[in-house]
């Protein structure tokens, strides 16, 4: 999705939103517009930063690459919950 309702989606599944990738045990890929991060803070819940692709695509791309690199190194599994191959709002 668009990023709307991401936190509610995660908690409704019984999971806790963790914004520090080094403490996460799962990545939920629900869409391609937002990343929840800690902005470099050491705490899992304080200082949540939402990086939006629609607001700053350059920052979004940098945070995405850094997050996925760390997750790969730590071998954190990813669950893709929205596996669309084509965005319905593009070119249709």
Protein backbone atom coordinates (compact mmCIF):
# COMPACT_ATOMS: atom_id res chain seq x y z
CA UNK A 1 0.00 0.00 0.00
CA UNK A 2 0.45 3.65 0.30
CA UNK A 3 1.78 3.58 3.83
CA UNK A 4 -1.59 4.41 5.34
CA UNK A 5 -2.40 2.06 8.19
CA UNK A 6 0.98 0.31 8.26
CA UNK A 7 1.37 0.44 12.03
CA UNK A 8 -2.22 -0.74 12.55
CA UNK A 9 -1.65 -3.59 10.07
CA UNK A 10 1.46 -4.77 11.93
CA UNK A 11 -0.13 -4.62 15.37
CA UNK A 12 -3.34 -6.31 14.16
CA UNK A 13 -1.17 -9.29 13.20
CA UNK A 14 0.10 -9.47 16.78
CA UNK A 15 3.52 -8.04 15.95
CA UNK A 16 5.31 -5.09 17.52
CA UNK A 17 6.60 -2.33 15.26
CA UNK A 18 10.37 -2.19 15.62
CA UNK A 19 12.10 0.69 13.89
CA UNK A 20 15.67 -0.43 14.56
CA UNK A 21 16.60 -2.96 11.87
CA UNK A 22 19.36 -4.38 14.06
CA UNK A 23 16.73 -5.44 16.63
CA UNK A 24 14.08 -6.65 14.16
CA UNK A 25 13.32 -10.31 13.61
CA UNK A 26 11.15 -9.83 10.51
CA UNK A 27 10.69 -7.26 7.75
CA UNK A 28 7.12 -6.78 6.54
CA UNK A 29 7.07 -5.45 2.99
CA UNK A 30 3.56 -4.16 2.50
CA UNK A 31 4.07 -1.53 -0.17
CA UNK A 32 6.67 0.70 -1.74
CA UNK A 33 6.01 4.14 -0.29
CA UNK A 34 7.11 4.30 3.35
CA UNK A 35 9.84 3.02 5.65
CA UNK A 36 9.57 3.16 9.42
CA UNK A 37 12.98 3.80 10.98
CA UNK A 38 14.44 5.10 14.20
CA UNK A 39 16.36 7.87 12.49
CA UNK A 40 19.56 6.61 14.12
CA UNK A 41 18.17 6.44 17.68
CA UNK A 42 19.05 3.51 19.94
CA UNK A 43 15.51 3.05 21.25
CA UNK A 44 12.96 0.85 19.44
CA UNK A 45 9.96 3.09 20.02
CA UNK A 46 11.08 6.67 20.64
CA UNK A 47 11.77 8.97 17.73
CA UNK A 48 9.99 6.99 15.01
CA UNK A 49 10.76 8.49 11.61
CA UNK A 50 8.58 7.72 8.60
CA UNK A 51 10.51 8.10 5.35
CA UNK A 52 8.10 8.62 2.47
CA UNK A 53 8.96 8.03 -1.17
CA UNK A 54 6.39 10.63 -2.21
CA UNK A 55 7.98 13.31 0.01
CA UNK A 56 11.71 12.71 -0.60
CA UNK A 57 12.52 9.95 -3.09
CA UNK A 58 16.29 10.39 -2.69
CA UNK A 59 16.17 9.97 1.09
CA UNK A 60 13.74 7.07 0.73
CA UNK A 61 16.09 5.27 -1.68
CA UNK A 62 19.12 5.84 0.59
CA UNK A 63 17.27 4.56 3.69
CA UNK A 64 15.87 1.60 1.75
CA UNK A 65 19.29 0.54 0.49
CA UNK A 66 20.92 0.95 3.91
CA UNK A 67 18.12 -0.95 5.66
CA UNK A 68 18.11 -3.84 3.18
CA UNK A 69 21.90 -4.09 3.31
CA UNK A 70 21.83 -4.38 7.11
CA UNK A 71 18.93 -6.84 6.99
CA UNK A 72 20.79 -8.99 4.47
CA UNK A 73 23.92 -9.02 6.60
CA UNK A 74 21.85 -9.97 9.67
CA UNK A 75 19.82 -12.53 7.63
CA UNK A 76 16.50 -11.06 8.72
CA UNK A 77 13.62 -12.71 6.82
CA UNK A 78 11.16 -10.61 4.80
CA UNK A 79 7.45 -11.25 4.41
CA UNK A 80 5.95 -9.63 1.30
CA UNK A 81 2.26 -9.04 1.99
CA UNK A 82 1.44 -7.10 -1.18
CA UNK A 83 3.15 -8.90 -4.07
CA UNK A 84 1.65 -6.92 -6.97
CA UNK A 85 3.68 -7.17 -10.15
CA UNK A 86 1.93 -4.19 -11.74
CA UNK A 87 0.65 -1.08 -10.00
CA UNK A 88 -2.99 -0.70 -11.03
CA UNK A 89 -2.76 3.11 -11.02
CA UNK A 90 0.12 3.20 -13.52
CA UNK A 91 -0.54 2.90 -17.22
CA UNK A 92 -3.92 1.25 -17.05
